[in-house]
């Protein structure tokens, strides 16, 4: 097995911390592209990440001034 080292920049760490603070959901990763940020969310916390009527996504879009997209992470995709 190969050891893989992942390096996160300061902005990515700040985005992850802000998302977890606002949503109380566990974030696996985020990918930033131009005017969009994609957050990869643990399957069990996906509803919490979205919030009632998308309220958490809207809050994050206002704070980051970017479009926020959520993707669900499942460690066992065959289920």
N, C-alpha and C. Protein backbone atom coordinates (compact mmCIF):
# COMPACT_ATOMS: atom_id res chain seq x y z
N UNK A 1 0.84 -1.18 0.00
CA UNK A 1 0.00 0.00 0.00
C UNK A 1 0.88 1.24 0.00
N UNK A 2 0.52 2.21 -0.78
CA UNK A 2 1.30 3.43 -0.92
C UNK A 2 0.77 4.50 0.02
N UNK A 3 1.69 5.20 0.65
CA UNK A 3 1.29 6.35 1.48
C UNK A 3 1.05 7.54 0.58
N UNK A 4 -0.11 8.13 0.71
CA UNK A 4 -0.45 9.29 -0.08
C UNK A 4 -0.52 10.48 0.86
N UNK A 5 0.21 11.51 0.51
CA UNK A 5 0.20 12.73 1.32
C UNK A 5 -0.66 13.77 0.60
N UNK A 6 -1.56 14.34 1.33
CA UNK A 6 -2.43 15.37 0.78
C UNK A 6 -2.08 16.68 1.46
N UNK A 7 -1.91 17.70 0.65
CA UNK A 7 -1.56 19.01 1.18
C UNK A 7 -2.75 19.95 0.99
N UNK A 8 -3.20 20.55 2.07
CA UNK A 8 -4.30 21.51 1.99
C UNK A 8 -3.76 22.91 2.19
N UNK A 9 -4.23 23.83 1.37
CA UNK A 9 -3.81 25.22 1.57
C UNK A 9 -4.68 25.87 2.64
N UNK A 10 -4.27 27.04 3.06
CA UNK A 10 -4.95 27.75 4.14
C UNK A 10 -6.41 28.04 3.80
N UNK A 11 -6.67 28.44 2.57
CA UNK A 11 -8.04 28.77 2.17
C UNK A 11 -8.95 27.55 2.24
N UNK A 12 -8.46 26.41 1.81
CA UNK A 12 -9.24 25.17 1.86
C UNK A 12 -9.57 24.80 3.30
N UNK A 13 -8.59 24.90 4.18
CA UNK A 13 -8.81 24.60 5.60
C UNK A 13 -9.85 25.55 6.19
N UNK A 14 -9.78 26.82 5.83
CA UNK A 14 -10.76 27.80 6.32
C UNK A 14 -12.16 27.48 5.81
N UNK A 15 -12.26 27.10 4.54
CA UNK A 15 -13.57 26.74 3.96
C UNK A 15 -14.16 25.52 4.64
N UNK A 16 -13.33 24.50 4.89
CA UNK A 16 -13.80 23.29 5.58
C UNK A 16 -14.28 23.62 6.99
N UNK A 17 -13.49 24.42 7.71
CA UNK A 17 -13.84 24.78 9.09
C UNK A 17 -15.13 25.59 9.13
N UNK A 18 -15.28 26.55 8.22
CA UNK A 18 -16.49 27.37 8.18
C UNK A 18 -17.71 26.50 7.88
N UNK A 19 -17.59 25.60 6.92
CA UNK A 19 -18.72 24.74 6.57
C UNK A 19 -19.14 23.89 7.75
N UNK A 20 -18.17 23.30 8.44
CA UNK A 20 -18.50 22.46 9.60
C UNK A 20 -19.10 23.28 10.73
N UNK A 21 -18.64 24.52 10.90
CA UNK A 21 -19.19 25.39 11.95
C UNK A 21 -20.64 25.77 11.65
N UNK A 22 -20.91 26.13 10.40
CA UNK A 22 -22.25 26.57 10.01
C UNK A 22 -23.24 25.41 9.99
N UNK A 23 -22.82 24.25 9.47
CA UNK A 23 -23.76 23.15 9.24
C UNK A 23 -23.75 22.07 10.31
N UNK A 24 -22.68 21.99 11.08
CA UNK A 24 -22.49 20.91 12.07
C UNK A 24 -22.41 19.54 11.39
N UNK A 25 -22.04 19.53 10.12
CA UNK A 25 -21.91 18.30 9.34
C UNK A 25 -20.44 17.97 9.11
N UNK A 26 -20.16 16.70 8.95
CA UNK A 26 -18.80 16.23 8.71
C UNK A 26 -18.46 16.37 7.22
N UNK A 27 -17.38 17.09 6.94
CA UNK A 27 -16.95 17.32 5.56
C UNK A 27 -15.73 16.46 5.26
N UNK A 28 -15.75 15.78 4.13
CA UNK A 28 -14.61 14.96 3.72
C UNK A 28 -13.57 15.79 2.97
N UNK A 29 -14.03 16.70 2.11
CA UNK A 29 -13.12 17.48 1.28
C UNK A 29 -13.90 18.60 0.61
N UNK A 30 -13.18 19.53 0.01
CA UNK A 30 -13.84 20.53 -0.83
C UNK A 30 -12.94 20.84 -2.01
N UNK A 31 -13.58 21.19 -3.10
CA UNK A 31 -12.88 21.51 -4.34
C UNK A 31 -13.35 22.90 -4.76
N UNK A 32 -12.41 23.79 -4.99
CA UNK A 32 -12.76 25.16 -5.36
C UNK A 32 -12.46 25.36 -6.84
N UNK A 33 -13.49 25.83 -7.56
CA UNK A 33 -13.35 26.13 -8.98
C UNK A 33 -13.94 27.51 -9.21
N UNK A 34 -13.18 28.39 -9.77
CA UNK A 34 -13.62 29.74 -10.12
C UNK A 34 -14.66 30.30 -9.15
N UNK A 35 -15.96 30.24 -9.56
CA UNK A 35 -17.02 30.84 -8.74
C UNK A 35 -17.88 29.77 -8.05
N UNK A 36 -17.31 28.59 -7.82
CA UNK A 36 -18.06 27.49 -7.19
C UNK A 36 -17.16 26.73 -6.22
N UNK A 37 -17.76 26.26 -5.11
CA UNK A 37 -17.06 25.38 -4.19
C UNK A 37 -17.92 24.12 -4.03
N UNK A 38 -17.28 22.98 -4.22
CA UNK A 38 -17.95 21.69 -4.09
C UNK A 38 -17.49 21.06 -2.78
N UNK A 39 -18.44 20.79 -1.89
CA UNK A 39 -18.14 20.14 -0.62
C UNK A 39 -18.56 18.68 -0.71
N UNK A 40 -17.67 17.80 -0.29
CA UNK A 40 -17.96 16.37 -0.26
C UNK A 40 -18.32 16.02 1.18
N UNK A 41 -19.56 15.56 1.37
CA UNK A 41 -20.14 15.38 2.69
C UNK A 41 -20.36 13.91 2.99
N UNK A 42 -20.08 13.52 4.22
CA UNK A 42 -20.34 12.15 4.66
C UNK A 42 -21.83 11.86 4.52
N UNK A 43 -22.15 10.66 4.05
CA UNK A 43 -23.54 10.27 3.78
C UNK A 43 -24.47 10.51 4.97
N UNK A 44 -24.00 10.19 6.17
CA UNK A 44 -24.86 10.31 7.36
C UNK A 44 -25.19 11.76 7.70
N UNK A 45 -24.40 12.71 7.24
CA UNK A 45 -24.61 14.12 7.56
C UNK A 45 -25.16 14.94 6.39
N UNK A 46 -25.54 14.28 5.31
CA UNK A 46 -25.93 15.01 4.11
C UNK A 46 -27.14 15.92 4.34
N UNK A 47 -28.16 15.40 5.01
CA UNK A 47 -29.35 16.21 5.30
C UNK A 47 -29.03 17.40 6.18
N UNK A 48 -28.19 17.18 7.18
CA UNK A 48 -27.77 18.25 8.08
C UNK A 48 -27.00 19.32 7.30
N UNK A 49 -26.18 18.89 6.35
CA UNK A 49 -25.39 19.83 5.55
C UNK A 49 -26.29 20.73 4.70
N UNK A 50 -27.34 20.16 4.14
CA UNK A 50 -28.26 20.94 3.31
C UNK A 50 -29.04 21.92 4.16
N UNK A 51 -29.54 21.46 5.30
CA UNK A 51 -30.36 22.31 6.15
C UNK A 51 -31.80 22.34 5.68
N UNK A 52 -32.67 22.82 6.56
CA UNK A 52 -34.09 22.89 6.23
C UNK A 52 -34.29 23.84 5.05
N UNK A 53 -34.92 23.33 4.00
CA UNK A 53 -35.18 24.10 2.78
C UNK A 53 -33.90 24.69 2.18
N UNK A 54 -32.77 24.01 2.36
CA UNK A 54 -31.51 24.47 1.79
C UNK A 54 -30.89 25.64 2.53
N UNK A 55 -31.32 25.87 3.77
CA UNK A 55 -30.86 27.06 4.50
C UNK A 55 -29.35 27.09 4.71
N UNK A 56 -28.73 25.95 4.98
CA UNK A 56 -27.28 25.94 5.19
C UNK A 56 -26.50 26.22 3.91
N UNK A 57 -27.00 25.70 2.80
CA UNK A 57 -26.35 25.97 1.52
C UNK A 57 -26.45 27.46 1.21
N UNK A 58 -27.61 28.05 1.44
CA UNK A 58 -27.79 29.48 1.20
C UNK A 58 -26.87 30.32 2.08
N UNK A 59 -26.75 29.95 3.37
CA UNK A 59 -25.85 30.66 4.28
C UNK A 59 -24.41 30.61 3.78
N UNK A 60 -23.99 29.43 3.36
CA UNK A 60 -22.62 29.27 2.88
C UNK A 60 -22.38 30.07 1.61
N UNK A 61 -23.36 30.09 0.72
CA UNK A 61 -23.21 30.87 -0.51
C UNK A 61 -23.08 32.35 -0.20
N UNK A 62 -23.82 32.84 0.79
CA UNK A 62 -23.71 34.24 1.18
C UNK A 62 -22.35 34.54 1.80
N UNK A 63 -21.88 33.66 2.68
CA UNK A 63 -20.61 33.88 3.36
C UNK A 63 -19.42 33.79 2.41
N UNK A 64 -19.46 32.84 1.49
CA UNK A 64 -18.34 32.61 0.58
C UNK A 64 -18.45 33.41 -0.72
N UNK A 65 -19.65 33.92 -0.99
CA UNK A 65 -19.94 34.65 -2.23
C UNK A 65 -19.61 33.80 -3.46
N UNK A 66 -19.95 32.52 -3.34
CA UNK A 66 -19.76 31.57 -4.44
C UNK A 66 -20.90 30.57 -4.42
N UNK A 67 -21.12 29.92 -5.57
CA UNK A 67 -22.12 28.85 -5.63
C UNK A 67 -21.58 27.66 -4.84
N UNK A 68 -22.43 27.05 -4.02
CA UNK A 68 -22.04 25.89 -3.22
C UNK A 68 -22.79 24.66 -3.73
N UNK A 69 -22.03 23.62 -4.03
CA UNK A 69 -22.58 22.35 -4.46
C UNK A 69 -22.17 21.28 -3.46
N UNK A 70 -23.10 20.39 -3.11
CA UNK A 70 -22.80 19.31 -2.17
C UNK A 70 -22.83 17.97 -2.89
N UNK A 71 -21.84 17.15 -2.59
CA UNK A 71 -21.80 15.78 -3.10
C UNK A 71 -21.78 14.83 -1.91
N UNK A 72 -22.51 13.74 -2.03
CA UNK A 72 -22.60 12.76 -0.94
C UNK A 72 -21.49 11.72 -1.07
N UNK A 73 -20.75 11.50 0.03
CA UNK A 73 -19.69 10.49 0.07
C UNK A 73 -20.22 9.26 0.79
N UNK A 74 -20.03 8.10 0.16
CA UNK A 74 -20.43 6.83 0.78
C UNK A 74 -19.24 5.89 0.70
N UNK A 75 -18.74 5.45 1.84
CA UNK A 75 -17.57 4.57 1.85
C UNK A 75 -17.90 3.18 1.32
N UNK A 76 -19.18 2.86 1.21
CA UNK A 76 -19.60 1.57 0.68
C UNK A 76 -20.64 1.81 -0.42
N UNK A 77 -20.21 2.20 -1.62
CA UNK A 77 -21.16 2.58 -2.67
C UNK A 77 -21.97 1.43 -3.25
N UNK A 78 -21.62 0.20 -2.91
CA UNK A 78 -22.35 -0.94 -3.47
C UNK A 78 -23.69 -1.19 -2.79
N UNK A 79 -23.94 -0.56 -1.65
CA UNK A 79 -25.21 -0.75 -0.94
C UNK A 79 -26.34 -0.13 -1.69
